[in-house]
Amino acid sequence: MISTRMTATLQNALTSRRNISELSQRLDKAGQEVSTGKHAEMYRALGPRAAETLAVRSQLTRLDGFVQSNDVLARKLESGSSALNDIRASVQPVIELALQSGSARQFSGSLQQSARMALEQVIGTANRSHVGEALFSGIDTDRAPLQPFDEANPNGGRSPREMVEAVIGTGPASAAEAETMAAALAEAFAPGTGDFEGSFYNGTPAATPDRLSARIDENETITYGVQANDPGFTDLLRGLSMLATTDISQIADEGAATAWLSEAVTAMTDGSDALLQAETRLGAQQGRLETVMEAQAAKRDLYTSQINAIENVDPFEAATRLTELQTQLEASYMVTSRLSKLSFLNYL
């Protein structure tokens, strides 16, 4: 009889411990659900709906990839647009000073100094990069597009200054010679056929048809970017180089000086206008990208809402279940405590 009672007591104790262990685990899961708002055992709790949440999460992950890459692209386009604006701002004072000099027929060495400073600024701005990628080098984003004016190009062996001086020498001696030299210099600056890409330019050659592009959505890709061997850049650099390498105040023939100045101003003005058009195109691309990003943000909110509707637990139900489990566990502890106080001596 004593043996039977002892066995029953032991079994009760073991059963109570198992119950307490199970209740503790369930309580931990309930506490996790209350604190996180999610099912502790997500796919077990969802059952057949698990496939639905996996599908939506896959769509959200893909969308997040576009959101992140588009955010980087938006900043890159903004940097490119800002750089183009800075380049045009750098050359505008030279254009204005040249126009004033030409209208007054008063040529001074200050025009050459202004052109040199502007040329350095344009080269520096064109060589800007964004997150380690050059803005105006085409698809070869690992290199700065423009060679410093007085540094030899490692590919062609000549500096931009040497390329220009090889064409114009000491400058024109007559108006006709000024026009001839300006035409020859325009040929030298022509990408793909002249010496520009062997002295001044280090980016993707004009003969390469590929341009920077980005897939901004599932079914949309944009081709973007401006290269420093595009006509706007080459015209601008050519006009500045004409004034930076020639002191127009030292040209003896007034007709030659006037013609040379006119050719330089035309090149700079054409280049500035072309860069403005390029900046406008970038602005349109920025606008399109912004529209796509807004739509993606709305879609992301929708996906997130769908996932939450499937995966989130009812907070009131979870809190009620937590309270019930706490009550059950406290009762189990109480029973276990009472059983532990039982003694054979109590029955003697």
Protein backbone atom coordinates (compact mmCIF):
# COMPACT_ATOMS: atom_id res chain seq x y z
CA MET A 1 0.00 0.00 0.00
CA ILE A 2 2.82 2.34 0.89
CA SER A 3 4.60 1.53 -2.35
CA THR A 4 1.48 2.32 -4.39
CA ARG A 5 1.08 5.71 -2.69
CA MET A 6 4.72 6.60 -3.25
CA THR A 7 4.52 5.64 -6.93
CA ALA A 8 1.38 7.73 -7.45
CA THR A 9 2.99 10.72 -5.74
CA LEU A 10 6.05 10.45 -7.93
CA GLN A 11 3.93 10.21 -11.07
CA ASN A 12 1.93 13.25 -10.01
CA ALA A 13 5.12 15.18 -9.44
CA LEU A 14 6.54 14.24 -12.84
CA THR A 15 3.28 15.08 -14.58
CA SER A 16 3.14 18.42 -12.82
CA ARG A 17 6.66 19.24 -13.92
CA ARG A 18 5.85 18.38 -17.51
CA ASN A 19 2.76 20.57 -17.35
CA ILE A 20 4.76 23.43 -15.90
CA SER A 21 7.42 23.05 -18.60
CA GLU A 22 4.80 23.04 -21.34
CA LEU A 23 2.97 26.01 -19.84
CA SER A 24 6.24 27.92 -19.52
CA GLN A 25 7.03 27.37 -23.20
CA ARG A 26 3.56 28.44 -24.24
CA LEU A 27 3.83 31.46 -21.95
CA ASP A 28 7.15 32.46 -23.51
CA LYS A 29 5.64 32.23 -27.00
CA ALA A 30 2.61 34.23 -25.93
CA GLY A 31 4.86 36.88 -24.39
CA GLN A 32 6.88 37.03 -27.60
CA GLU A 33 3.70 37.49 -29.64
CA VAL A 34 2.46 40.27 -27.36
CA SER A 35 5.79 42.11 -27.55
CA THR A 36 6.43 41.66 -31.31
CA GLY A 37 2.89 41.50 -32.62
CA LYS A 38 3.89 38.50 -34.77
CA HIS A 39 3.17 34.80 -34.48
CA ALA A 40 5.91 33.03 -32.53
CA GLU A 41 5.76 30.05 -34.89
CA MET A 42 4.85 31.94 -38.05
CA TYR A 43 4.34 29.28 -40.70
CA ARG A 44 2.85 26.74 -38.33
CA ALA A 45 0.31 29.32 -37.18
CA LEU A 46 -0.50 30.52 -40.71
CA GLY A 47 -1.01 27.11 -42.23
CA PRO A 48 -2.15 27.41 -45.88
CA ARG A 49 -1.74 31.20 -45.76
CA ALA A 50 2.02 30.79 -45.33
CA ALA A 51 2.41 30.55 -49.12
CA GLU A 52 0.57 33.85 -49.48
CA THR A 53 2.83 35.76 -47.14
CA LEU A 54 5.93 34.23 -48.76
CA ALA A 55 4.74 35.44 -52.17
CA VAL A 56 4.07 38.99 -50.92
CA ARG A 57 7.41 39.08 -49.10
CA SER A 58 9.16 38.05 -52.30
CA GLN A 59 7.49 40.94 -54.14
CA LEU A 60 8.45 43.31 -51.33
CA THR A 61 12.09 42.20 -51.42
CA ARG A 62 12.27 42.80 -55.16
CA LEU A 63 10.59 46.18 -54.77
CA ASP A 64 13.03 47.16 -52.02
CA GLY A 65 15.87 46.46 -54.46
CA PHE A 66 14.41 48.97 -56.91
CA VAL A 67 13.78 51.49 -54.11
CA GLN A 68 17.39 51.35 -52.95
CA SER A 69 18.95 51.48 -56.43
CA ASN A 70 16.60 54.28 -57.51
CA ASP A 71 17.53 56.30 -54.45
CA VAL A 72 21.20 56.06 -55.43
CA LEU A 73 20.36 56.92 -59.04
CA ALA A 74 18.30 59.95 -57.98
CA ARG A 75 21.26 61.34 -56.04
CA LYS A 76 23.58 60.64 -58.97
CA LEU A 77 21.31 62.47 -61.41
CA GLU A 78 21.09 65.38 -58.98
CA SER A 79 24.89 65.50 -58.73
CA GLY A 80 25.21 65.47 -62.52
CA SER A 81 22.64 68.22 -62.95
CA SER A 82 24.32 70.34 -60.29
CA ALA A 83 27.73 69.85 -61.92
CA LEU A 84 26.40 70.93 -65.35
CA ASN A 85 24.92 74.04 -63.79
CA ASP A 86 28.24 74.82 -62.07
CA ILE A 87 30.12 74.37 -65.36
CA ARG A 88 27.86 76.82 -67.17
CA ALA A 89 28.21 79.26 -64.28
CA SER A 90 32.01 79.01 -64.49
CA VAL A 91 32.18 79.93 -68.17
CA GLN A 92 29.53 82.66 -68.20
CA PRO A 93 31.83 85.44 -66.84
CA VAL A 94 34.35 84.63 -69.60
CA ILE A 95 31.64 84.90 -72.26
CA GLU A 96 30.47 88.23 -70.86
CA LEU A 97 34.02 89.62 -70.63
CA ALA A 98 34.75 88.47 -74.19
CA LEU A 99 31.60 90.12 -75.50
CA GLN A 100 32.46 93.35 -73.74
CA SER A 101 36.00 93.27 -75.12
CA GLY A 102 34.78 92.59 -78.63
CA SER A 103 32.18 95.34 -78.65
CA ALA A 104 34.63 97.90 -77.27
CA ARG A 105 37.57 96.67 -79.38
CA GLN A 106 39.63 96.71 -76.21
CA PHE A 107 41.56 93.46 -75.80
CA SER A 108 43.46 92.84 -72.57
CA GLY A 109 45.45 90.02 -71.05
CA SER A 110 42.84 89.65 -68.30
CA LEU A 111 40.65 87.73 -70.75
CA GLN A 112 43.31 85.04 -71.09
CA GLN A 113 43.66 84.81 -67.31
CA SER A 114 39.89 84.52 -66.86
CA ALA A 115 39.72 81.79 -69.52
CA ARG A 116 42.50 79.82 -67.83
CA MET A 117 40.77 79.98 -64.46
CA ALA A 118 37.43 78.98 -65.97
CA LEU A 119 39.07 76.11 -67.86
CA GLU A 120 40.54 74.74 -64.63
CA GLN A 121 37.17 75.05 -62.93
CA VAL A 122 35.35 73.29 -65.77
CA ILE A 123 37.85 70.41 -65.79
CA GLY A 124 37.64 70.05 -62.01
CA THR A 125 33.83 70.09 -62.02
CA ALA A 126 33.60 67.66 -64.94
CA ASN A 127 35.84 65.25 -63.00
CA ARG A 128 33.45 65.06 -60.06
CA SER A 129 32.29 61.64 -58.94
CA HIS A 130 29.37 60.22 -56.98
CA VAL A 131 29.92 57.28 -54.60
CA GLY A 132 33.19 56.57 -56.37
CA GLU A 133 31.83 56.73 -59.93
CA ALA A 134 32.77 59.51 -62.33
CA LEU A 135 29.76 61.50 -63.51
CA PHE A 136 30.82 62.29 -67.08
CA SER A 137 33.02 59.35 -68.14
CA GLY A 138 30.27 57.29 -69.75
CA ILE A 139 30.27 53.61 -68.87
CA ASP A 140 33.94 53.82 -67.79
CA THR A 141 33.02 55.25 -64.42
CA ASP A 142 36.31 54.23 -62.81
CA ARG A 143 38.27 57.12 -64.31
CA ALA A 144 38.10 60.91 -64.41
CA PRO A 145 36.95 62.01 -67.87
CA LEU A 146 39.12 65.09 -68.48
CA GLN A 147 42.88 65.38 -68.43
CA PRO A 148 44.35 68.41 -66.62
CA PHE A 149 45.23 71.02 -69.24
CA ASP A 150 49.00 70.92 -68.73
CA GLU A 151 49.41 67.20 -68.00
CA ALA A 152 50.30 64.69 -70.69
CA ASN A 153 47.61 62.12 -71.39
CA PRO A 154 49.03 58.62 -70.71
CA ASN A 155 47.17 57.26 -73.73
CA GLY A 156 48.06 59.81 -76.39
CA GLY A 157 51.23 61.17 -74.82
CA ARG A 158 50.24 64.82 -75.28
CA SER A 159 48.67 67.29 -72.91
CA PRO A 160 45.52 69.18 -73.92
CA ARG A 161 47.60 72.38 -74.17
CA GLU A 162 50.05 70.70 -76.55
CA MET A 163 47.18 69.46 -78.69
CA VAL A 164 45.74 72.99 -78.97
CA GLU A 165 49.08 74.70 -79.57
CA ALA A 166 49.94 72.21 -82.30
CA VAL A 167 46.99 73.58 -84.25
CA ILE A 168 47.11 77.31 -83.53
CA GLY A 169 50.84 77.85 -83.01
CA THR A 170 51.46 81.48 -82.03
CA GLY A 171 47.97 82.53 -83.04
CA PRO A 172 46.37 84.00 -86.17
CA ALA A 173 47.86 86.85 -88.15
CA SER A 174 44.73 87.74 -90.10
CA ALA A 175 40.98 87.32 -89.94
CA ALA A 176 41.07 84.64 -92.64
CA GLU A 177 43.79 82.76 -90.79
CA ALA A 178 41.76 83.01 -87.56
CA GLU A 179 38.80 81.37 -89.24
CA THR A 180 41.00 78.65 -90.75
CA MET A 181 42.68 77.92 -87.41
CA ALA A 182 39.33 77.85 -85.62
CA ALA A 183 37.99 75.33 -88.15
CA ALA A 184 41.10 73.15 -87.76
CA LEU A 185 40.76 73.30 -83.98
CA ALA A 186 37.11 72.27 -84.27
CA GLU A 187 38.26 69.20 -86.22
CA ALA A 188 40.87 68.44 -83.56
CA PHE A 189 38.17 68.58 -80.86
CA ALA A 190 35.78 66.33 -82.79
CA PRO A 191 35.37 63.09 -80.77
CA GLY A 192 36.38 59.96 -82.61
CA THR A 193 38.11 61.74 -85.51
CA GLY A 194 40.31 64.40 -83.91
CA ASP A 195 42.92 64.37 -81.16
CA PHE A 196 40.51 65.26 -78.37
CA GLU A 197 40.12 61.68 -77.10
CA GLY A 198 43.88 61.13 -77.17
CA SER A 199 44.78 64.21 -75.19
CA PHE A 200 41.84 65.83 -73.41
CA TYR A 201 39.45 62.94 -72.76
CA ASN A 202 39.84 59.65 -70.85
CA GLY A 203 36.30 58.28 -70.66
CA THR A 204 34.21 56.08 -72.96
CA PRO A 205 35.03 56.88 -76.61
CA ALA A 206 32.37 58.42 -78.81
CA ALA A 207 32.56 55.37 -81.10
CA THR A 208 31.20 53.22 -78.27
CA PRO A 209 27.39 53.19 -78.61
CA ASP A 210 26.70 52.06 -75.05
CA ARG A 211 25.46 54.65 -72.59
CA LEU A 212 24.74 54.47 -68.89
CA SER A 213 21.33 52.95 -68.23
CA ALA A 214 19.35 51.80 -65.22
CA ARG A 215 16.32 49.61 -64.75
CA ILE A 216 14.09 51.67 -62.50
CA ASP A 217 11.07 49.35 -62.41
CA GLU A 218 9.96 45.93 -63.55
CA ASN A 219 9.24 47.07 -67.10
CA GLU A 220 11.07 50.38 -67.40
CA THR A 221 14.69 51.27 -68.15
CA ILE A 222 16.13 54.73 -68.66
CA THR A 223 19.30 55.70 -70.50
CA TYR A 224 20.90 58.64 -68.78
CA GLY A 225 24.09 60.55 -68.30
CA VAL A 226 26.21 63.07 -70.16
CA GLN A 227 29.75 62.37 -71.35
CA ALA A 228 32.56 64.90 -71.40
CA ASN A 229 33.13 64.14 -75.08
CA ASP A 230 29.59 65.21 -76.02
CA PRO A 231 29.35 68.26 -78.32
CA GLY A 232 28.39 70.58 -75.47
CA PHE A 233 31.58 69.79 -73.58
CA THR A 234 33.86 69.81 -76.61
CA ASP A 235 32.54 73.17 -77.83
CA LEU A 236 32.89 74.72 -74.40
CA LEU A 237 36.40 73.37 -73.87
CA ARG A 238 37.44 74.44 -77.37
CA GLY A 239 36.28 78.02 -76.85
CA LEU A 240 37.99 78.30 -73.48
CA SER A 241 41.19 76.74 -74.86
CA MET A 242 41.28 79.28 -77.69
CA LEU A 243 41.39 82.13 -75.20
CA ALA A 244 43.48 80.37 -72.54
CA THR A 245 46.36 79.58 -74.92
CA THR A 246 46.32 82.86 -76.85
CA ASP A 247 46.75 86.33 -75.37
CA ILE A 248 44.37 88.14 -77.63
CA SER A 249 45.84 91.49 -76.62
CA GLN A 250 49.09 90.42 -78.33
CA ILE A 251 47.51 89.73 -81.73
CA ALA A 252 48.75 92.61 -83.88
CA ASP A 253 45.99 92.51 -86.45
CA GLU A 254 42.71 93.82 -85.01
CA GLY A 255 40.69 91.88 -87.57
CA ALA A 256 42.45 88.65 -86.56
CA ALA A 257 41.83 89.37 -82.87
CA THR A 258 38.18 90.16 -83.50
CA ALA A 259 37.65 87.04 -85.62
CA TRP A 260 39.46 84.82 -83.10
CA LEU A 261 37.42 86.25 -80.24
CA SER A 262 34.20 85.78 -82.20
CA GLU A 263 35.00 82.13 -82.93
CA ALA A 264 35.81 81.50 -79.27
CA VAL A 265 32.62 83.16 -78.04
CA THR A 266 30.53 81.18 -80.52
CA ALA A 267 32.10 77.91 -79.36
CA MET A 268 31.57 78.74 -75.68
CA THR A 269 28.00 79.92 -76.24
CA ASP A 270 27.10 76.83 -78.29
CA GLY A 271 28.66 74.61 -75.65
CA SER A 272 26.84 76.34 -72.81
CA ASP A 273 23.52 76.06 -74.66
CA ALA A 274 24.12 72.36 -75.33
CA LEU A 275 24.93 71.71 -71.68
CA LEU A 276 21.73 73.54 -70.70
CA GLN A 277 19.80 71.18 -72.95
CA ALA A 278 21.58 68.21 -71.39
CA GLU A 279 20.72 69.54 -67.94
CA THR A 280 17.10 69.87 -69.03
CA ARG A 281 17.06 66.24 -70.19
CA LEU A 282 18.49 65.18 -66.85
CA GLY A 283 15.75 67.16 -65.16
CA ALA A 284 13.10 65.32 -67.16
CA GLN A 285 14.68 62.00 -66.21
CA GLN A 286 14.75 63.07 -62.58
CA GLY A 287 11.05 63.89 -62.81
CA ARG A 288 10.23 60.51 -64.31
CA LEU A 289 12.32 58.73 -61.70
CA GLU A 290 10.60 60.66 -58.91
CA THR A 291 7.19 59.60 -60.25
CA VAL A 292 8.27 55.96 -60.32
CA MET A 293 9.69 56.19 -56.81
CA GLU A 294 6.45 57.67 -55.49
CA ALA A 295 4.48 54.81 -57.04
CA GLN A 296 6.92 52.31 -55.57
CA ALA A 297 6.58 53.87 -52.12
CA ALA A 298 2.79 53.47 -52.33
CA LYS A 299 3.17 49.89 -53.51
CA ARG A 300 5.60 49.18 -50.69
CA ASP A 301 3.06 50.43 -48.14
CA LEU A 302 0.45 48.15 -49.71
CA TYR A 303 2.71 45.10 -49.53
CA THR A 304 3.62 45.89 -45.93
CA SER A 305 -0.06 46.19 -45.02
CA GLN A 306 -0.82 42.84 -46.66
CA ILE A 307 2.01 41.14 -44.79
CA ASN A 308 0.94 42.63 -41.47
CA ALA A 309 -2.66 41.57 -42.07
CA ILE A 310 -1.50 37.98 -42.54
CA GLU A 311 1.35 37.72 -40.03
CA ASN A 312 0.25 39.94 -37.17
CA VAL A 313 -1.56 38.41 -34.21
CA ASP A 314 -4.69 39.91 -32.69
CA PRO A 315 -3.25 41.96 -29.82
CA PHE A 316 -6.32 41.49 -27.61
CA GLU A 317 -6.41 37.75 -28.23
CA ALA A 318 -2.68 37.46 -27.57
CA ALA A 319 -2.95 39.47 -24.33
CA THR A 320 -5.92 37.37 -23.16
CA ARG A 321 -4.06 34.16 -23.91
CA LEU A 322 -1.01 35.46 -22.06
CA THR A 323 -3.12 36.22 -18.98
CA GLU A 324 -4.77 32.79 -19.09
CA LEU A 325 -1.42 31.03 -19.35
CA GLN A 326 -0.04 33.06 -16.45
CA THR A 327 -3.04 32.02 -14.36
CA GLN A 328 -2.62 28.36 -15.33
CA LEU A 329 1.07 28.43 -14.58
CA GLU A 330 0.51 30.01 -11.18
CA ALA A 331 -2.05 27.33 -10.38
CA SER A 332 0.37 24.62 -11.45
CA TYR A 333 3.08 26.07 -9.26
CA MET A 334 0.63 26.11 -6.35
CA VAL A 335 -0.31 22.45 -6.87
CA THR A 336 3.31 21.45 -7.20
CA SER A 337 4.14 23.28 -4.02
CA ARG A 338 1.41 21.48 -2.11
CA LEU A 339 2.45 18.08 -3.45
CA SER A 340 6.02 18.75 -2.45
CA LYS A 341 4.89 19.27 1.14
CA LEU A 342 3.18 15.87 1.40
CA SER A 343 4.98 13.36 3.63
CA PHE A 344 4.50 9.71 4.52
CA LEU A 345 4.62 10.73 8.17
CA ASN A 346 1.35 12.58 7.70
CA TYR A 347 -0.40 9.22 7.31
CA LEU A 348 1.07 7.35 10.24
